[in-house]
Amino acid sequence: MHNHPSGDPTPSQADIQMTKAIVDIAKPLGIAVHDHIIVGKNGHTSFKGMRLM
């Protein structure tokens, strides 16, 4: 989970790439990443809800 100070919770390409890297690194260690949430002034975005993971 992290915030976007701009207020727009839309994931950036960097957010998407970082999340994929974390999931790929965590998997062989037996760590499951269940979601990535971005919080903004106008709401939030769930990567799982957007089918980005």
PDB file of N, CA and C in Angstrom:
ATOM      1  N   MET A   1       0.848  -1.161   0.000  1.00  0.00           N
ATOM      2  CA  MET A   1       0.000   0.000   0.000  1.00  0.00           C
ATOM      3  C   MET A   1       0.897   1.228   0.000  1.00  0.00           C
ATOM      4  N   HIS A   2       0.473   2.209  -0.767  1.00  0.00           N
ATOM      5  CA  HIS A   2       1.140   3.506  -0.716  1.00  0.00           C
ATOM      6  C   HIS A   2       0.172   4.587  -1.171  1.00  0.00           C
ATOM      7  N   ASN A   3       0.597   5.830  -1.031  1.00  0.00           N
ATOM      8  CA  ASN A   3      -0.286   6.915  -1.423  1.00  0.00           C
ATOM      9  C   ASN A   3       0.264   7.661  -2.630  1.00  0.00           C
ATOM     10  N   HIS A   4      -0.604   8.368  -3.307  1.00  0.00           N
ATOM     11  CA  HIS A   4      -0.232   9.286  -4.375  1.00  0.00           C
ATOM     12  C   HIS A   4      -0.598  10.684  -3.888  1.00  0.00           C
ATOM     13  N   PRO A   5       0.393  11.489  -3.527  1.00  0.00           N
ATOM     14  CA  PRO A   5       0.114  12.838  -3.015  1.00  0.00           C
ATOM     15  C   PRO A   5      -0.670  13.710  -4.004  1.00  0.00           C
ATOM     16  N   SER A   6      -0.630  13.378  -5.295  1.00  0.00           N
ATOM     17  CA  SER A   6      -1.384  14.154  -6.282  1.00  0.00           C
ATOM     18  C   SER A   6      -2.889  14.022  -6.065  1.00  0.00           C
ATOM     19  N   GLY A   7      -3.298  12.982  -5.343  1.00  0.00           N
ATOM     20  CA  GLY A   7      -4.718  12.730  -5.109  1.00  0.00           C
ATOM     21  C   GLY A   7      -5.324  11.743  -6.080  1.00  0.00           C
ATOM     22  N   ASP A   8      -4.650  11.466  -7.192  1.00  0.00           N
ATOM     23  CA  ASP A   8      -5.137  10.535  -8.205  1.00  0.00           C
ATOM     24  C   ASP A   8      -4.588   9.135  -7.913  1.00  0.00           C
ATOM     25  N   PRO A   9      -5.456   8.183  -7.557  1.00  0.00           N
ATOM     26  CA  PRO A   9      -4.977   6.848  -7.212  1.00  0.00           C
ATOM     27  C   PRO A   9      -4.717   5.924  -8.406  1.00  0.00           C
ATOM     28  N   THR A  10      -4.714   6.463  -9.615  1.00  0.00           N
ATOM     29  CA  THR A  10      -4.461   5.649 -10.801  1.00  0.00           C
ATOM     30  C   THR A  10      -3.017   5.131 -10.789  1.00  0.00           C
ATOM     31  N   PRO A  11      -2.810   3.812 -10.976  1.00  0.00           N
ATOM     32  CA  PRO A  11      -1.453   3.264 -10.970  1.00  0.00           C
ATOM     33  C   PRO A  11      -0.624   3.783 -12.142  1.00  0.00           C
ATOM     34  N   SER A  12       0.614   4.120 -11.863  1.00  0.00           N
ATOM     35  CA  SER A  12       1.548   4.503 -12.923  1.00  0.00           C
ATOM     36  C   SER A  12       2.208   3.246 -13.475  1.00  0.00           C
ATOM     37  N   GLN A  13       2.901   3.383 -14.595  1.00  0.00           N
ATOM     38  CA  GLN A  13       3.643   2.237 -15.151  1.00  0.00           C
ATOM     39  C   GLN A  13       4.692   1.779 -14.142  1.00  0.00           C
ATOM     40  N   ALA A  14       5.310   2.713 -13.438  1.00  0.00           N
ATOM     41  CA  ALA A  14       6.303   2.348 -12.418  1.00  0.00           C
ATOM     42  C   ALA A  14       5.654   1.541 -11.297  1.00  0.00           C
ATOM     43  N   ASP A  15       4.437   1.904 -10.879  1.00  0.00           N
ATOM     44  CA  ASP A  15       3.713   1.144  -9.847  1.00  0.00           C
ATOM     45  C   ASP A  15       3.464  -0.284 -10.317  1.00  0.00           C
ATOM     46  N   ILE A  16       3.037  -0.426 -11.561  1.00  0.00           N
ATOM     47  CA  ILE A  16       2.733  -1.749 -12.119  1.00  0.00           C
ATOM     48  C   ILE A  16       4.000  -2.595 -12.214  1.00  0.00           C
ATOM     49  N   GLN A  17       5.076  -2.021 -12.703  1.00  0.00           N
ATOM     50  CA  GLN A  17       6.338  -2.756 -12.838  1.00  0.00           C
ATOM     51  C   GLN A  17       6.901  -3.144 -11.477  1.00  0.00           C
ATOM     52  N   MET A  18       6.841  -2.217 -10.499  1.00  0.00           N
ATOM     53  CA  MET A  18       7.351  -2.507  -9.162  1.00  0.00           C
ATOM     54  C   MET A  18       6.551  -3.641  -8.517  1.00  0.00           C
ATOM     55  N   THR A  19       5.232  -3.612  -8.681  1.00  0.00           N
ATOM     56  CA  THR A  19       4.391  -4.655  -8.096  1.00  0.00           C
ATOM     57  C   THR A  19       4.723  -6.011  -8.701  1.00  0.00           C
ATOM     58  N   LYS A  20       4.891  -6.067 -10.014  1.00  0.00           N
ATOM     59  CA  LYS A  20       5.249  -7.327 -10.666  1.00  0.00           C
ATOM     60  C   LYS A  20       6.591  -7.831 -10.146  1.00  0.00           C
ATOM     61  N   ALA A  21       7.552  -6.943  -9.980  1.00  0.00           N
ATOM     62  CA  ALA A  21       8.868  -7.339  -9.474  1.00  0.00           C
ATOM     63  C   ALA A  21       8.762  -7.887  -8.053  1.00  0.00           C
ATOM     64  N   ILE A  22       7.978  -7.231  -7.207  1.00  0.00           N
ATOM     65  CA  ILE A  22       7.819  -7.696  -5.822  1.00  0.00           C
ATOM     66  C   ILE A  22       7.157  -9.069  -5.796  1.00  0.00           C
ATOM     67  N   VAL A  23       6.112  -9.263  -6.601  1.00  0.00           N
ATOM     68  CA  VAL A  23       5.420 -10.559  -6.658  1.00  0.00           C
ATOM     69  C   VAL A  23       6.392 -11.642  -7.133  1.00  0.00           C
ATOM     70  N   ASP A  24       7.174 -11.346  -8.171  1.00  0.00           N
ATOM     71  CA  ASP A  24       8.122 -12.322  -8.719  1.00  0.00           C
ATOM     72  C   ASP A  24       9.216 -12.685  -7.724  1.00  0.00           C
ATOM     73  N   ILE A  25       9.683 -11.712  -6.954  1.00  0.00           N
ATOM     74  CA  ILE A  25      10.731 -11.958  -5.955  1.00  0.00           C
ATOM     75  C   ILE A  25      10.178 -12.694  -4.740  1.00  0.00           C
ATOM     76  N   ALA A  26       8.964 -12.360  -4.336  1.00  0.00           N
ATOM     77  CA  ALA A  26       8.380 -12.952  -3.132  1.00  0.00           C
ATOM     78  C   ALA A  26       7.956 -14.406  -3.329  1.00  0.00           C
ATOM     79  N   LYS A  27       7.517 -14.761  -4.528  1.00  0.00           N
ATOM     80  CA  LYS A  27       6.972 -16.094  -4.784  1.00  0.00           C
ATOM     81  C   LYS A  27       7.929 -17.228  -4.411  1.00  0.00           C
ATOM     82  N   PRO A  28       9.204 -17.207  -4.853  1.00  0.00           N
ATOM     83  CA  PRO A  28      10.096 -18.315  -4.479  1.00  0.00           C
ATOM     84  C   PRO A  28      10.391 -18.381  -2.979  1.00  0.00           C
ATOM     85  N   LEU A  29      10.138 -17.293  -2.281  1.00  0.00           N
ATOM     86  CA  LEU A  29      10.353 -17.259  -0.834  1.00  0.00           C
ATOM     87  C   LEU A  29       9.125 -17.735  -0.064  1.00  0.00           C
ATOM     88  N   GLY A  30       8.067 -18.077  -0.806  1.00  0.00           N
ATOM     89  CA  GLY A  30       6.840 -18.553  -0.175  1.00  0.00           C
ATOM     90  C   GLY A  30       5.982 -17.423   0.383  1.00  0.00           C
ATOM     91  N   ILE A  31       6.211 -16.205  -0.095  1.00  0.00           N
ATOM     92  CA  ILE A  31       5.448 -15.053   0.375  1.00  0.00           C
ATOM     93  C   ILE A  31       4.415 -14.697  -0.695  1.00  0.00           C
ATOM     94  N   ALA A  32       3.159 -14.656  -0.299  1.00  0.00           N
ATOM     95  CA  ALA A  32       2.081 -14.303  -1.221  1.00  0.00           C
ATOM     96  C   ALA A  32       1.763 -12.823  -1.092  1.00  0.00           C
ATOM     97  N   VAL A  33       1.704 -12.148  -2.205  1.00  0.00           N
ATOM     98  CA  VAL A  33       1.283 -10.754  -2.228  1.00  0.00           C
ATOM     99  C   VAL A  33      -0.186 -10.773  -2.668  1.00  0.00           C
ATOM    100  N   HIS A  34      -1.063 -10.337  -1.787  1.00  0.00           N
ATOM    101  CA  HIS A  34      -2.500 -10.462  -2.051  1.00  0.00           C
ATOM    102  C   HIS A  34      -3.069  -9.282  -2.825  1.00  0.00           C
ATOM    103  N   ASP A  35      -2.489  -8.101  -2.680  1.00  0.00           N
ATOM    104  CA  ASP A  35      -3.002  -6.927  -3.371  1.00  0.00           C
ATOM    105  C   ASP A  35      -1.992  -5.797  -3.234  1.00  0.00           C
ATOM    106  N   HIS A  36      -2.177  -4.765  -4.007  1.00  0.00           N
ATOM    107  CA  HIS A  36      -1.414  -3.520  -3.912  1.00  0.00           C
ATOM    108  C   HIS A  36      -2.463  -2.425  -3.996  1.00  0.00           C
ATOM    109  N   ILE A  37      -2.546  -1.624  -2.952  1.00  0.00           N
ATOM    110  CA  ILE A  37      -3.539  -0.570  -2.854  1.00  0.00           C
ATOM    111  C   ILE A  37      -2.853   0.787  -2.983  1.00  0.00           C
ATOM    112  N   ILE A  38      -3.403   1.649  -3.811  1.00  0.00           N
ATOM    113  CA  ILE A  38      -2.930   3.027  -3.906  1.00  0.00           C
ATOM    114  C   ILE A  38      -4.037   3.920  -3.365  1.00  0.00           C
ATOM    115  N   VAL A  39      -3.666   4.779  -2.420  1.00  0.00           N
ATOM    116  CA  VAL A  39      -4.624   5.683  -1.793  1.00  0.00           C
ATOM    117  C   VAL A  39      -4.378   7.095  -2.302  1.00  0.00           C
ATOM    118  N   GLY A  40      -5.426   7.760  -2.687  1.00  0.00           N
ATOM    119  CA  GLY A  40      -5.354   9.149  -3.125  1.00  0.00           C
ATOM    120  C   GLY A  40      -6.441   9.957  -2.445  1.00  0.00           C
ATOM    121  N   LYS A  41      -6.398  11.239  -2.614  1.00  0.00           N
ATOM    122  CA  LYS A  41      -7.387  12.122  -2.001  1.00  0.00           C
ATOM    123  C   LYS A  41      -8.800  11.775  -2.468  1.00  0.00           C
ATOM    124  N   ASN A  42      -8.919  11.294  -3.683  1.00  0.00           N
ATOM    125  CA  ASN A  42     -10.226  11.023  -4.271  1.00  0.00           C
ATOM    126  C   ASN A  42     -10.620   9.556  -4.255  1.00  0.00           C
ATOM    127  N   GLY A  43     -10.009   8.762  -3.380  1.00  0.00           N
ATOM    128  CA  GLY A  43     -10.369   7.355  -3.300  1.00  0.00           C
ATOM    129  C   GLY A  43      -9.152   6.458  -3.304  1.00  0.00           C
ATOM    130  N   HIS A  44      -9.356   5.219  -3.715  1.00  0.00           N
ATOM    131  CA  HIS A  44      -8.265   4.245  -3.739  1.00  0.00           C
ATOM    132  C   HIS A  44      -8.397   3.340  -4.962  1.00  0.00           C
ATOM    133  N   THR A  45      -7.306   2.647  -5.257  1.00  0.00           N
ATOM    134  CA  THR A  45      -7.275   1.689  -6.359  1.00  0.00           C
ATOM    135  C   THR A  45      -6.672   0.386  -5.853  1.00  0.00           C
ATOM    136  N   SER A  46      -7.293  -0.711  -6.209  1.00  0.00           N
ATOM    137  CA  SER A  46      -6.809  -2.048  -5.870  1.00  0.00           C
ATOM    138  C   SER A  46      -6.286  -2.716  -7.133  1.00  0.00           C
ATOM    139  N   PHE A  47      -5.010  -3.145  -7.106  1.00  0.00           N
ATOM    140  CA  PHE A  47      -4.465  -3.845  -8.264  1.00  0.00           C
ATOM    141  C   PHE A  47      -5.233  -5.128  -8.521  1.00  0.00           C
ATOM    142  N   LYS A  48      -5.600  -5.831  -7.461  1.00  0.00           N
ATOM    143  CA  LYS A  48      -6.364  -7.065  -7.625  1.00  0.00           C
ATOM    144  C   LYS A  48      -7.725  -6.771  -8.244  1.00  0.00           C
ATOM    145  N   GLY A  49      -8.367  -5.706  -7.786  1.00  0.00           N
ATOM    146  CA  GLY A  49      -9.665  -5.322  -8.319  1.00  0.00           C
ATOM    147  C   GLY A  49      -9.587  -4.915  -9.791  1.00  0.00           C
ATOM    148  N   MET A  50      -8.445  -4.358 -10.200  1.00  0.00           N
ATOM    149  CA  MET A  50      -8.262  -3.949 -11.588  1.00  0.00           C
ATOM    150  C   MET A  50      -7.677  -5.070 -12.437  1.00  0.00           C
ATOM    151  N   ARG A  51      -7.494  -6.238 -11.828  1.00  0.00           N
ATOM    152  CA  ARG A  51      -6.918  -7.422 -12.491  1.00  0.00           C
ATOM    153  C   ARG A  51      -5.501  -7.160 -13.010  1.00  0.00           C
ATOM    154  N   LEU A  52      -4.747  -6.360 -12.234  1.00  0.00           N
ATOM    155  CA  LEU A  52      -3.348  -6.113 -12.566  1.00  0.00           C
ATOM    156  C   LEU A  52      -2.426  -7.115 -11.887  1.00  0.00           C
ATOM    157  N   MET A  53      -3.013  -7.994 -11.081  1.00  0.00           N
ATOM    158  CA  MET A  53      -2.228  -9.052 -10.451  1.00  0.00           C
ATOM    159  C   MET A  53      -3.095 -10.262 -10.179  1.00  0.00           C
TER     160      MET A  53
END
